[in-house]
Each structure stands twice: as structure tokens, then as C-alpha cells.
N, C-alpha and C. Protein backbone atom coordinates (compact mmCIF):
# COMPACT_ATOMS: atom_id res chain seq x y z
N UNK A 1 29.93 -20.00 2.78
CA UNK A 1 28.96 -19.05 2.28
C UNK A 1 29.62 -18.17 1.23
N UNK A 2 28.90 -17.93 0.13
CA UNK A 2 29.44 -17.09 -0.93
C UNK A 2 29.35 -15.62 -0.54
N UNK A 3 30.12 -14.81 -1.25
CA UNK A 3 30.07 -13.36 -1.00
C UNK A 3 28.68 -12.82 -1.32
N UNK A 4 28.05 -13.38 -2.37
CA UNK A 4 26.71 -12.91 -2.73
C UNK A 4 25.72 -13.22 -1.62
N UNK A 5 25.74 -14.44 -1.09
CA UNK A 5 24.81 -14.82 -0.02
C UNK A 5 25.05 -13.97 1.22
N UNK A 6 26.30 -13.65 1.49
CA UNK A 6 26.62 -12.85 2.68
C UNK A 6 26.10 -11.43 2.57
N UNK A 7 25.87 -10.96 1.34
CA UNK A 7 25.42 -9.58 1.18
C UNK A 7 23.93 -9.40 1.45
N UNK A 8 23.17 -10.48 1.55
CA UNK A 8 21.74 -10.40 1.82
C UNK A 8 21.46 -10.59 3.30
N UNK A 9 20.48 -9.87 3.83
CA UNK A 9 20.15 -10.07 5.24
C UNK A 9 19.53 -11.45 5.44
N UNK A 10 19.59 -11.93 6.66
CA UNK A 10 18.97 -13.21 6.97
C UNK A 10 17.48 -13.12 6.68
N UNK A 11 16.92 -14.19 6.18
CA UNK A 11 15.49 -14.19 5.87
C UNK A 11 14.74 -15.00 6.91
N UNK A 12 13.51 -14.68 7.09
CA UNK A 12 12.67 -15.37 8.05
C UNK A 12 11.23 -14.99 7.82
N UNK A 13 10.33 -15.39 8.70
CA UNK A 13 8.93 -15.02 8.54
C UNK A 13 8.77 -13.49 8.46
N UNK A 14 7.77 -13.07 7.73
CA UNK A 14 7.53 -11.63 7.57
C UNK A 14 7.09 -11.00 8.88
N UNK A 15 7.51 -9.77 9.12
CA UNK A 15 7.07 -9.10 10.35
C UNK A 15 5.58 -8.77 10.30
N UNK A 16 4.97 -8.70 11.44
CA UNK A 16 3.55 -8.34 11.55
C UNK A 16 3.38 -6.88 11.17
N UNK A 17 2.39 -6.58 10.36
CA UNK A 17 2.11 -5.21 9.98
C UNK A 17 0.96 -4.66 10.81
N UNK A 18 1.04 -3.39 11.16
CA UNK A 18 -0.06 -2.74 11.85
C UNK A 18 -1.09 -2.35 10.80
N UNK A 19 -2.32 -2.79 10.99
CA UNK A 19 -3.38 -2.55 10.01
C UNK A 19 -4.54 -1.83 10.67
N UNK A 20 -4.98 -0.74 10.05
CA UNK A 20 -6.16 -0.02 10.50
C UNK A 20 -7.36 -0.67 9.84
N UNK A 21 -8.22 -1.30 10.63
CA UNK A 21 -9.32 -2.10 10.10
C UNK A 21 -10.29 -1.28 9.24
N UNK A 22 -10.66 -0.09 9.67
CA UNK A 22 -11.61 0.73 8.91
C UNK A 22 -11.01 1.15 7.57
N UNK A 23 -9.73 1.50 7.57
CA UNK A 23 -9.07 1.88 6.32
C UNK A 23 -8.91 0.68 5.40
N UNK A 24 -8.60 -0.47 5.96
CA UNK A 24 -8.45 -1.69 5.15
C UNK A 24 -9.79 -2.11 4.53
N UNK A 25 -10.88 -1.99 5.27
CA UNK A 25 -12.20 -2.32 4.73
C UNK A 25 -12.58 -1.38 3.59
N UNK A 26 -12.27 -0.10 3.75
CA UNK A 26 -12.49 0.87 2.69
C UNK A 26 -11.64 0.49 1.48
N UNK A 27 -10.38 0.20 1.71
CA UNK A 27 -9.47 -0.20 0.63
C UNK A 27 -9.95 -1.44 -0.10
N UNK A 28 -10.51 -2.38 0.64
CA UNK A 28 -11.03 -3.60 0.02
C UNK A 28 -12.19 -3.27 -0.91
N UNK A 29 -13.09 -2.43 -0.45
CA UNK A 29 -14.24 -2.07 -1.30
C UNK A 29 -13.75 -1.36 -2.56
N UNK A 30 -12.79 -0.47 -2.42
CA UNK A 30 -12.23 0.23 -3.57
C UNK A 30 -11.55 -0.75 -4.53
N UNK A 31 -10.84 -1.72 -3.99
CA UNK A 31 -10.11 -2.71 -4.79
C UNK A 31 -11.04 -3.49 -5.72
N UNK A 32 -12.26 -3.73 -5.25
CA UNK A 32 -13.22 -4.52 -6.02
C UNK A 32 -14.20 -3.65 -6.81
N UNK A 33 -14.04 -2.34 -6.79
CA UNK A 33 -14.99 -1.42 -7.40
C UNK A 33 -14.57 -1.05 -8.83
N UNK A 34 -15.40 -1.39 -9.79
CA UNK A 34 -15.13 -1.09 -11.20
C UNK A 34 -15.20 0.41 -11.51
N UNK A 35 -15.83 1.17 -10.66
CA UNK A 35 -15.93 2.61 -10.91
C UNK A 35 -14.59 3.32 -10.82
N UNK A 36 -13.55 2.62 -10.37
CA UNK A 36 -12.23 3.23 -10.30
C UNK A 36 -11.52 3.19 -11.65
N UNK A 37 -12.13 2.59 -12.66
CA UNK A 37 -11.53 2.60 -14.00
C UNK A 37 -12.25 3.61 -14.87
N UNK A 38 -11.59 4.06 -15.90
CA UNK A 38 -12.12 5.11 -16.75
C UNK A 38 -13.52 4.83 -17.29
N UNK A 39 -13.77 3.61 -17.75
CA UNK A 39 -15.09 3.30 -18.30
C UNK A 39 -15.94 2.51 -17.32
N UNK A 40 -15.51 2.44 -16.07
CA UNK A 40 -16.22 1.68 -15.02
C UNK A 40 -16.40 0.22 -15.43
N UNK A 41 -15.42 -0.30 -16.18
CA UNK A 41 -15.52 -1.67 -16.68
C UNK A 41 -14.64 -2.68 -15.97
N UNK A 42 -13.59 -2.24 -15.27
CA UNK A 42 -12.70 -3.19 -14.59
C UNK A 42 -12.32 -2.66 -13.21
N UNK A 43 -12.06 -3.58 -12.33
CA UNK A 43 -11.58 -3.26 -10.98
C UNK A 43 -10.17 -3.82 -10.82
N UNK A 44 -9.50 -3.42 -9.78
CA UNK A 44 -8.18 -3.99 -9.48
C UNK A 44 -8.26 -5.52 -9.46
N UNK A 45 -9.35 -6.03 -8.89
CA UNK A 45 -9.53 -7.47 -8.71
C UNK A 45 -9.76 -8.21 -10.02
N UNK A 46 -9.99 -7.51 -11.12
CA UNK A 46 -10.14 -8.21 -12.40
C UNK A 46 -8.81 -8.72 -12.92
N UNK A 47 -7.72 -8.07 -12.58
CA UNK A 47 -6.39 -8.54 -12.97
C UNK A 47 -5.71 -9.27 -11.81
N UNK A 48 -5.95 -8.80 -10.60
CA UNK A 48 -5.37 -9.41 -9.40
C UNK A 48 -6.48 -10.23 -8.72
N UNK A 49 -6.69 -11.42 -9.24
CA UNK A 49 -7.83 -12.27 -8.87
C UNK A 49 -7.57 -12.98 -7.54
N UNK A 50 -8.44 -12.77 -6.54
CA UNK A 50 -8.22 -13.41 -5.23
C UNK A 50 -8.02 -14.92 -5.30
N UNK A 51 -8.80 -15.60 -6.13
CA UNK A 51 -8.70 -17.06 -6.24
C UNK A 51 -7.40 -17.51 -6.91
N UNK A 52 -6.66 -16.59 -7.49
CA UNK A 52 -5.38 -16.89 -8.14
C UNK A 52 -4.23 -16.22 -7.38
N UNK A 53 -4.36 -16.17 -6.07
CA UNK A 53 -3.34 -15.54 -5.20
C UNK A 53 -3.14 -14.07 -5.57
N UNK A 54 -4.23 -13.40 -5.93
CA UNK A 54 -4.21 -11.99 -6.31
C UNK A 54 -3.26 -11.72 -7.48
N UNK A 55 -3.21 -12.69 -8.39
CA UNK A 55 -2.45 -12.52 -9.63
C UNK A 55 -3.41 -12.71 -10.79
N UNK A 56 -2.88 -12.65 -11.98
CA UNK A 56 -3.72 -12.79 -13.16
C UNK A 56 -4.01 -14.25 -13.46
N UNK A 57 -5.20 -14.51 -13.96
CA UNK A 57 -5.56 -15.87 -14.34
C UNK A 57 -5.08 -16.18 -15.75
N UNK A 58 -4.56 -15.18 -16.45
CA UNK A 58 -4.08 -15.36 -17.82
C UNK A 58 -2.61 -14.96 -17.91
N UNK A 59 -1.93 -15.45 -18.93
CA UNK A 59 -0.52 -15.11 -19.13
C UNK A 59 -0.34 -13.61 -19.30
N UNK A 60 -1.27 -12.97 -20.01
CA UNK A 60 -1.25 -11.52 -20.15
C UNK A 60 -2.54 -10.98 -19.56
N UNK A 61 -2.42 -10.09 -18.61
CA UNK A 61 -3.58 -9.52 -17.92
C UNK A 61 -4.41 -8.70 -18.89
N UNK A 62 -5.70 -8.64 -18.66
CA UNK A 62 -6.55 -7.92 -19.61
C UNK A 62 -6.31 -6.41 -19.65
N UNK A 63 -6.05 -5.78 -18.52
CA UNK A 63 -5.87 -4.33 -18.51
C UNK A 63 -7.11 -3.61 -18.99
N UNK A 64 -6.94 -2.38 -19.44
CA UNK A 64 -8.07 -1.57 -19.88
C UNK A 64 -8.69 -2.18 -21.13
N UNK A 65 -10.02 -2.22 -21.19
CA UNK A 65 -10.69 -2.87 -22.33
C UNK A 65 -10.20 -2.37 -23.69
N UNK A 66 -9.90 -3.34 -24.54
CA UNK A 66 -9.50 -3.04 -25.90
C UNK A 66 -8.04 -2.76 -26.12
N UNK A 67 -7.22 -2.82 -25.09
CA UNK A 67 -5.82 -2.47 -25.31
C UNK A 67 -4.92 -3.66 -25.59
N UNK A 68 -5.40 -4.89 -25.48
CA UNK A 68 -4.55 -6.05 -25.72
C UNK A 68 -3.35 -6.06 -24.81
N UNK A 69 -3.59 -5.91 -23.54
CA UNK A 69 -2.56 -5.74 -22.51
C UNK A 69 -1.33 -6.60 -22.74
N UNK A 70 -0.20 -6.17 -22.22
CA UNK A 70 1.08 -6.82 -22.51
C UNK A 70 1.84 -7.31 -21.28
N UNK A 71 1.25 -7.28 -20.11
CA UNK A 71 1.95 -7.71 -18.90
C UNK A 71 1.11 -8.70 -18.12
N UNK A 72 1.78 -9.49 -17.32
CA UNK A 72 1.10 -10.39 -16.40
C UNK A 72 1.03 -9.69 -15.05
N UNK A 73 -0.14 -9.66 -14.45
CA UNK A 73 -0.29 -9.03 -13.14
C UNK A 73 0.29 -9.96 -12.08
N UNK A 74 1.34 -9.51 -11.43
CA UNK A 74 1.97 -10.34 -10.40
C UNK A 74 1.09 -10.39 -9.16
N UNK A 75 1.36 -11.38 -8.32
CA UNK A 75 0.59 -11.56 -7.09
C UNK A 75 0.75 -10.35 -6.17
N UNK A 76 -0.31 -10.04 -5.47
CA UNK A 76 -0.25 -8.95 -4.49
C UNK A 76 -0.02 -9.48 -3.07
N UNK A 77 0.06 -10.80 -2.92
CA UNK A 77 0.33 -11.36 -1.59
C UNK A 77 1.74 -10.92 -1.17
N UNK A 78 1.83 -10.39 0.00
CA UNK A 78 3.08 -9.87 0.59
C UNK A 78 3.61 -8.61 -0.09
N UNK A 79 2.80 -7.98 -0.93
CA UNK A 79 3.26 -6.80 -1.64
C UNK A 79 3.58 -5.63 -0.71
N UNK A 80 2.93 -5.58 0.44
CA UNK A 80 3.19 -4.49 1.38
C UNK A 80 4.58 -4.59 2.00
N UNK A 81 5.24 -5.71 1.82
CA UNK A 81 6.60 -5.89 2.35
C UNK A 81 7.68 -5.57 1.31
N UNK A 82 7.27 -5.22 0.10
CA UNK A 82 8.24 -4.97 -0.97
C UNK A 82 8.74 -3.53 -0.95
N UNK A 83 9.87 -3.33 -1.60
CA UNK A 83 10.44 -1.99 -1.76
C UNK A 83 10.29 -1.48 -3.19
N UNK A 84 10.10 -2.39 -4.14
CA UNK A 84 9.88 -2.03 -5.55
C UNK A 84 8.76 -2.91 -6.09
N UNK A 85 8.08 -2.39 -7.12
CA UNK A 85 6.95 -3.12 -7.67
C UNK A 85 7.06 -3.23 -9.18
N UNK A 86 6.22 -4.06 -9.73
CA UNK A 86 6.19 -4.43 -11.14
C UNK A 86 7.34 -5.39 -11.42
N UNK A 87 7.21 -6.13 -12.48
CA UNK A 87 8.23 -7.13 -12.82
C UNK A 87 9.59 -6.48 -13.02
N UNK A 88 9.62 -5.26 -13.53
CA UNK A 88 10.88 -4.60 -13.80
C UNK A 88 11.35 -3.69 -12.67
N UNK A 89 10.57 -3.59 -11.61
CA UNK A 89 10.97 -2.79 -10.45
C UNK A 89 10.98 -1.30 -10.70
N UNK A 90 10.27 -0.83 -11.72
CA UNK A 90 10.36 0.58 -12.09
C UNK A 90 9.70 1.53 -11.10
N UNK A 91 8.82 1.03 -10.25
CA UNK A 91 8.20 1.90 -9.25
C UNK A 91 8.69 1.44 -7.89
N UNK A 92 9.45 2.27 -7.23
CA UNK A 92 10.02 1.85 -5.98
C UNK A 92 10.02 2.92 -4.91
N UNK A 93 8.94 3.64 -4.77
CA UNK A 93 8.91 4.63 -3.70
C UNK A 93 7.94 4.19 -2.60
N UNK A 94 6.68 3.99 -2.93
CA UNK A 94 5.73 3.50 -1.93
C UNK A 94 4.47 2.99 -2.62
N UNK A 95 3.63 2.29 -1.88
CA UNK A 95 2.42 1.71 -2.46
C UNK A 95 1.40 2.77 -2.88
N UNK A 96 1.47 3.94 -2.28
CA UNK A 96 0.61 5.04 -2.69
C UNK A 96 0.89 5.38 -4.15
N UNK A 97 2.18 5.49 -4.50
CA UNK A 97 2.57 5.79 -5.88
C UNK A 97 2.17 4.66 -6.82
N UNK A 98 2.35 3.44 -6.38
CA UNK A 98 2.00 2.28 -7.20
C UNK A 98 0.50 2.25 -7.47
N UNK A 99 -0.30 2.55 -6.46
CA UNK A 99 -1.76 2.58 -6.61
C UNK A 99 -2.15 3.65 -7.62
N UNK A 100 -1.58 4.83 -7.50
CA UNK A 100 -1.86 5.91 -8.47
C UNK A 100 -1.50 5.47 -9.88
N UNK A 101 -0.35 4.87 -10.03
CA UNK A 101 0.12 4.42 -11.35
C UNK A 101 -0.87 3.43 -11.97
N UNK A 102 -1.33 2.47 -11.21
CA UNK A 102 -2.23 1.45 -11.74
C UNK A 102 -3.59 2.04 -12.11
N UNK A 103 -4.07 2.98 -11.32
CA UNK A 103 -5.37 3.58 -11.60
C UNK A 103 -5.31 4.53 -12.79
N UNK A 104 -4.25 5.30 -12.92
CA UNK A 104 -4.22 6.35 -13.94
C UNK A 104 -3.62 5.93 -15.28
N UNK A 105 -2.80 4.91 -15.33
CA UNK A 105 -2.19 4.51 -16.60
C UNK A 105 -3.25 4.12 -17.61
N UNK A 106 -3.14 4.67 -18.83
CA UNK A 106 -4.19 4.43 -19.82
C UNK A 106 -4.30 2.98 -20.25
N UNK A 107 -3.26 2.21 -20.16
CA UNK A 107 -3.33 0.80 -20.57
C UNK A 107 -3.72 -0.12 -19.41
N UNK A 108 -3.91 0.43 -18.22
CA UNK A 108 -4.32 -0.40 -17.09
C UNK A 108 -5.76 -0.07 -16.70
N UNK A 109 -5.98 1.03 -15.97
CA UNK A 109 -7.35 1.37 -15.58
C UNK A 109 -7.84 2.68 -16.20
N UNK A 110 -6.93 3.48 -16.72
CA UNK A 110 -7.28 4.65 -17.52
C UNK A 110 -8.24 5.61 -16.81
N UNK A 111 -7.94 5.93 -15.57
CA UNK A 111 -8.83 6.79 -14.79
C UNK A 111 -8.18 8.15 -14.52
N UNK A 112 -8.95 9.19 -14.69
CA UNK A 112 -8.56 10.53 -14.27
C UNK A 112 -8.91 10.61 -12.78
N UNK A 113 -7.96 10.93 -11.95
CA UNK A 113 -8.16 10.91 -10.51
C UNK A 113 -9.26 11.88 -10.05
N UNK A 114 -9.45 12.97 -10.76
CA UNK A 114 -10.51 13.92 -10.39
C UNK A 114 -11.89 13.31 -10.62
N UNK A 115 -12.02 12.58 -11.73
CA UNK A 115 -13.29 11.91 -12.02
C UNK A 115 -13.55 10.80 -11.00
N UNK A 116 -12.49 10.04 -10.67
CA UNK A 116 -12.63 8.98 -9.68
C UNK A 116 -13.11 9.55 -8.35
N UNK A 117 -12.52 10.65 -7.94
CA UNK A 117 -12.90 11.29 -6.68
C UNK A 117 -14.38 11.66 -6.70
N UNK A 118 -14.86 12.21 -7.80
CA UNK A 118 -16.27 12.59 -7.89
C UNK A 118 -17.19 11.37 -7.87
N UNK A 119 -16.77 10.30 -8.52
CA UNK A 119 -17.58 9.07 -8.49
C UNK A 119 -17.71 8.54 -7.07
N UNK A 120 -16.61 8.56 -6.35
CA UNK A 120 -16.61 8.04 -4.98
C UNK A 120 -17.47 8.93 -4.08
N UNK A 121 -17.39 10.23 -4.27
CA UNK A 121 -18.18 11.17 -3.46
C UNK A 121 -19.68 10.99 -3.65
N UNK A 122 -20.09 10.45 -4.78
CA UNK A 122 -21.51 10.27 -5.08
C UNK A 122 -22.11 9.04 -4.40
N UNK A 123 -21.29 8.23 -3.77
CA UNK A 123 -21.75 7.01 -3.11
C UNK A 123 -21.84 7.27 -1.61
N UNK A 124 -23.05 7.28 -1.04
CA UNK A 124 -23.21 7.57 0.40
C UNK A 124 -22.45 6.61 1.31
N UNK A 125 -22.35 5.35 0.91
CA UNK A 125 -21.60 4.40 1.73
C UNK A 125 -20.12 4.76 1.74
N UNK A 126 -19.57 5.15 0.60
CA UNK A 126 -18.18 5.60 0.57
C UNK A 126 -17.98 6.83 1.46
N UNK A 127 -18.89 7.78 1.36
CA UNK A 127 -18.77 8.99 2.17
C UNK A 127 -18.67 8.61 3.65
N UNK A 128 -19.51 7.68 4.09
CA UNK A 128 -19.48 7.22 5.48
C UNK A 128 -18.18 6.47 5.79
N UNK A 129 -17.78 5.58 4.89
CA UNK A 129 -16.57 4.78 5.13
C UNK A 129 -15.32 5.66 5.20
N UNK A 130 -15.22 6.66 4.33
CA UNK A 130 -14.07 7.57 4.38
C UNK A 130 -14.04 8.32 5.70
N UNK A 131 -15.20 8.79 6.13
CA UNK A 131 -15.29 9.51 7.40
C UNK A 131 -14.93 8.58 8.56
N UNK A 132 -15.49 7.37 8.58
CA UNK A 132 -15.22 6.41 9.65
C UNK A 132 -13.75 6.00 9.70
N UNK A 133 -13.09 6.03 8.53
CA UNK A 133 -11.67 5.67 8.47
C UNK A 133 -10.76 6.82 8.88
N UNK A 134 -11.36 7.99 9.12
CA UNK A 134 -10.56 9.14 9.55
C UNK A 134 -10.02 9.96 8.40
N UNK A 135 -10.50 9.72 7.20
CA UNK A 135 -10.03 10.47 6.04
C UNK A 135 -10.84 11.73 5.77
N UNK A 136 -12.00 11.84 6.38
CA UNK A 136 -12.87 12.98 6.07
C UNK A 136 -13.57 12.74 4.75
N UNK A 137 -13.68 13.77 3.95
CA UNK A 137 -14.34 13.67 2.64
C UNK A 137 -13.50 12.81 1.68
N UNK A 138 -14.15 11.99 0.85
CA UNK A 138 -13.40 11.19 -0.12
C UNK A 138 -12.50 12.05 -1.00
N UNK A 139 -11.28 11.60 -1.19
CA UNK A 139 -10.34 12.30 -2.06
C UNK A 139 -9.47 11.27 -2.77
N UNK A 140 -8.84 11.68 -3.86
CA UNK A 140 -7.98 10.73 -4.54
C UNK A 140 -6.77 10.36 -3.69
N UNK A 141 -6.30 11.27 -2.86
CA UNK A 141 -5.19 10.95 -1.96
C UNK A 141 -5.56 9.89 -0.95
N UNK A 142 -6.77 9.95 -0.42
CA UNK A 142 -7.17 8.93 0.56
C UNK A 142 -7.48 7.60 -0.11
N UNK A 143 -7.91 7.61 -1.37
CA UNK A 143 -8.06 6.36 -2.12
C UNK A 143 -6.70 5.68 -2.23
N UNK A 144 -5.68 6.50 -2.55
CA UNK A 144 -4.32 5.96 -2.71
C UNK A 144 -3.70 5.52 -1.39
N UNK A 145 -4.31 5.87 -0.28
CA UNK A 145 -3.86 5.39 1.03
C UNK A 145 -4.66 4.16 1.46
N UNK A 146 -5.96 4.15 1.14
CA UNK A 146 -6.82 3.06 1.61
C UNK A 146 -6.52 1.74 0.89
N UNK A 147 -6.29 1.78 -0.40
CA UNK A 147 -6.01 0.53 -1.12
C UNK A 147 -4.75 -0.13 -0.58
N UNK A 148 -3.64 0.58 -0.39
CA UNK A 148 -2.47 -0.06 0.22
C UNK A 148 -2.74 -0.61 1.63
N UNK A 149 -3.64 0.02 2.36
CA UNK A 149 -3.98 -0.50 3.69
C UNK A 149 -4.63 -1.88 3.55
N UNK A 150 -5.48 -2.03 2.54
CA UNK A 150 -6.06 -3.35 2.26
C UNK A 150 -4.98 -4.33 1.82
N UNK A 151 -4.06 -3.89 1.00
CA UNK A 151 -2.99 -4.78 0.54
C UNK A 151 -2.15 -5.31 1.70
N UNK A 152 -2.07 -4.56 2.78
CA UNK A 152 -1.34 -5.04 3.97
C UNK A 152 -1.99 -6.28 4.56
N UNK A 153 -3.28 -6.48 4.30
CA UNK A 153 -3.97 -7.67 4.83
C UNK A 153 -3.65 -8.92 4.02
N UNK A 154 -3.06 -8.76 2.84
CA UNK A 154 -2.76 -9.88 1.96
C UNK A 154 -1.34 -10.39 2.24
N UNK A 155 -1.15 -10.94 3.41
CA UNK A 155 0.16 -11.40 3.85
C UNK A 155 0.12 -12.90 4.11
N UNK A 156 1.10 -13.59 3.57
CA UNK A 156 1.14 -15.04 3.81
C UNK A 156 1.57 -15.30 5.24
N UNK A 157 0.84 -16.16 5.90
CA UNK A 157 1.17 -16.47 7.29
C UNK A 157 1.06 -17.96 7.58
N UNK A 158 0.47 -18.73 6.68
CA UNK A 158 0.21 -20.13 6.99
C UNK A 158 1.18 -21.13 6.39
N UNK A 159 2.11 -20.68 5.56
CA UNK A 159 3.07 -21.60 4.96
C UNK A 159 4.02 -22.14 6.03
N UNK A 160 4.52 -23.35 5.83
CA UNK A 160 5.46 -23.91 6.81
C UNK A 160 6.64 -22.98 7.12
N UNK A 161 7.12 -22.26 6.12
CA UNK A 161 8.21 -21.30 6.34
C UNK A 161 7.78 -20.23 7.33
N UNK A 162 6.56 -19.74 7.16
CA UNK A 162 6.05 -18.66 8.02
C UNK A 162 5.79 -19.11 9.45
N UNK A 163 5.39 -20.37 9.60
CA UNK A 163 5.04 -20.87 10.93
C UNK A 163 6.20 -21.54 11.65
N UNK A 164 7.34 -21.69 10.95
CA UNK A 164 8.50 -22.35 11.55
C UNK A 164 8.36 -23.86 11.60
N UNK A 165 7.49 -24.40 10.76
CA UNK A 165 7.24 -25.85 10.75
C UNK A 165 7.67 -26.48 9.44
N UNK A 166 8.86 -26.11 8.98
CA UNK A 166 9.37 -26.66 7.72
C UNK A 166 9.83 -28.10 7.92
N UNK A 167 9.68 -28.90 6.88
CA UNK A 167 10.14 -30.29 6.92
C UNK A 167 11.66 -30.33 6.96
N UNK A 168 12.20 -31.47 7.28
CA UNK A 168 13.66 -31.63 7.33
C UNK A 168 14.26 -31.34 5.95
N UNK A 169 13.60 -31.79 4.91
CA UNK A 169 14.07 -31.55 3.54
C UNK A 169 14.07 -30.06 3.22
N UNK A 170 13.01 -29.37 3.61
CA UNK A 170 12.94 -27.93 3.36
C UNK A 170 14.02 -27.19 4.14
N UNK A 171 14.30 -27.64 5.36
CA UNK A 171 15.36 -27.01 6.15
C UNK A 171 16.72 -27.20 5.49
N UNK A 172 16.95 -28.39 4.92
CA UNK A 172 18.21 -28.62 4.19
C UNK A 172 18.28 -27.69 2.98
N UNK A 173 17.16 -27.52 2.29
CA UNK A 173 17.12 -26.62 1.14
C UNK A 173 17.40 -25.19 1.55
N UNK A 174 16.86 -24.77 2.69
CA UNK A 174 17.10 -23.41 3.19
C UNK A 174 18.57 -23.22 3.51
N UNK A 175 19.17 -24.23 4.11
CA UNK A 175 20.59 -24.14 4.43
C UNK A 175 21.42 -23.99 3.14
N UNK A 176 21.05 -24.75 2.13
CA UNK A 176 21.73 -24.66 0.83
C UNK A 176 21.50 -23.28 0.21
N UNK A 177 20.26 -22.81 0.27
CA UNK A 177 19.89 -21.49 -0.28
C UNK A 177 20.72 -20.38 0.37
N UNK A 178 20.85 -20.43 1.68
CA UNK A 178 21.58 -19.41 2.41
C UNK A 178 23.10 -19.61 2.29
N UNK A 179 23.51 -20.82 2.01
CA UNK A 179 24.95 -21.15 1.97
C UNK A 179 25.53 -21.14 0.58
N UNK A 180 26.06 -22.29 0.19
CA UNK A 180 26.84 -22.35 -1.05
C UNK A 180 26.03 -22.07 -2.32
N UNK A 181 24.72 -22.22 -2.30
CA UNK A 181 23.92 -21.92 -3.49
C UNK A 181 23.83 -20.41 -3.72
N UNK A 182 23.98 -19.66 -2.64
CA UNK A 182 23.98 -18.21 -2.75
C UNK A 182 22.65 -17.66 -3.21
């Protein structure tokens, strides 16, 4: 085993995350809601497309209308298990911060959090969902908590690696990956 390989912890299936169902359902609705963008024209799901493993269907994600976006939206599958986000790892504190960044950045969703909060408060279903989730009145802080709760539901669990049913060839590859390949 190389020194580099020895410095990484052993890898295995992802640990089970505790998920609050009411908060995750609220987060899901917010994730697909275009009203969270400045012009109510795009939702999180427009760049992180469910049918594309919650990644972008294009090489460069569309971002906020008219900006000619410059990044590819990476997959959100297993994102709740990460410590840093974005291709360059520039945001590495928590998913709450990442959610705020994506909603407020002018080249992504271009939303003022105060306006977003007022839009959400005007929807009676949101008012009920926030209350049922234990957040009380809709707020931008609870939006930034609910979306990450939904992201926790996007965890890979069916791959052979996750189920412990890897082929003999895959097991040899894993041994190489953990060993001399580093």
C-alpha cells in the first residue's frame, strides 16, 4: 500500500442518514419551485435535473436567464455526505451555506432572501408545510434548512458497491484502488 492510500480512511457503503420526512417534503417542493429565483424563471431542478442524476443536462448549466452560465452543475446524489461543494471546493462549511449561495448568487438564481421569504409566506400550502415541519412561520433560514433535508434523500443505495454485491472483477479493482494504485 502506498503512503497516499494509507492516508485515506477505508471506504465502504455510505452511512444511513436520519431524515425528517416533513422537512424533506418541504425541501423537495422548494427545490422544484421557480419562485425561489429572482425572476421566478428557474428552480434548483432546472440545473440539477432528476433524470440526469440531479446534474446538468448540458455541458454548461443555464443558471440565471441571460447570463450565459459558465459552470456545469454537478450531481447532487450523495451531496449530503460531502464536506466541500462545487467543482473547486470553495464552499466547505455546510449545506445551509451552499443552499444560500446557490439561491442568492446573481449568476445562478439571483434571489434576494427577503423577497424569497415573502413569496413563500404568500403561499398557504407553504405556510402549512413550514408549520408541520416544525419551522413555524416561513423564513429564509428555514428554507436553507429544508432544502438540505431533501438533499439527504438523494443517496445512492442500489449500486453493487452499496449493497455489498460487487462482481469478482470489481472486487479486484477495489483491491487495486485501495492498494498499489493509491
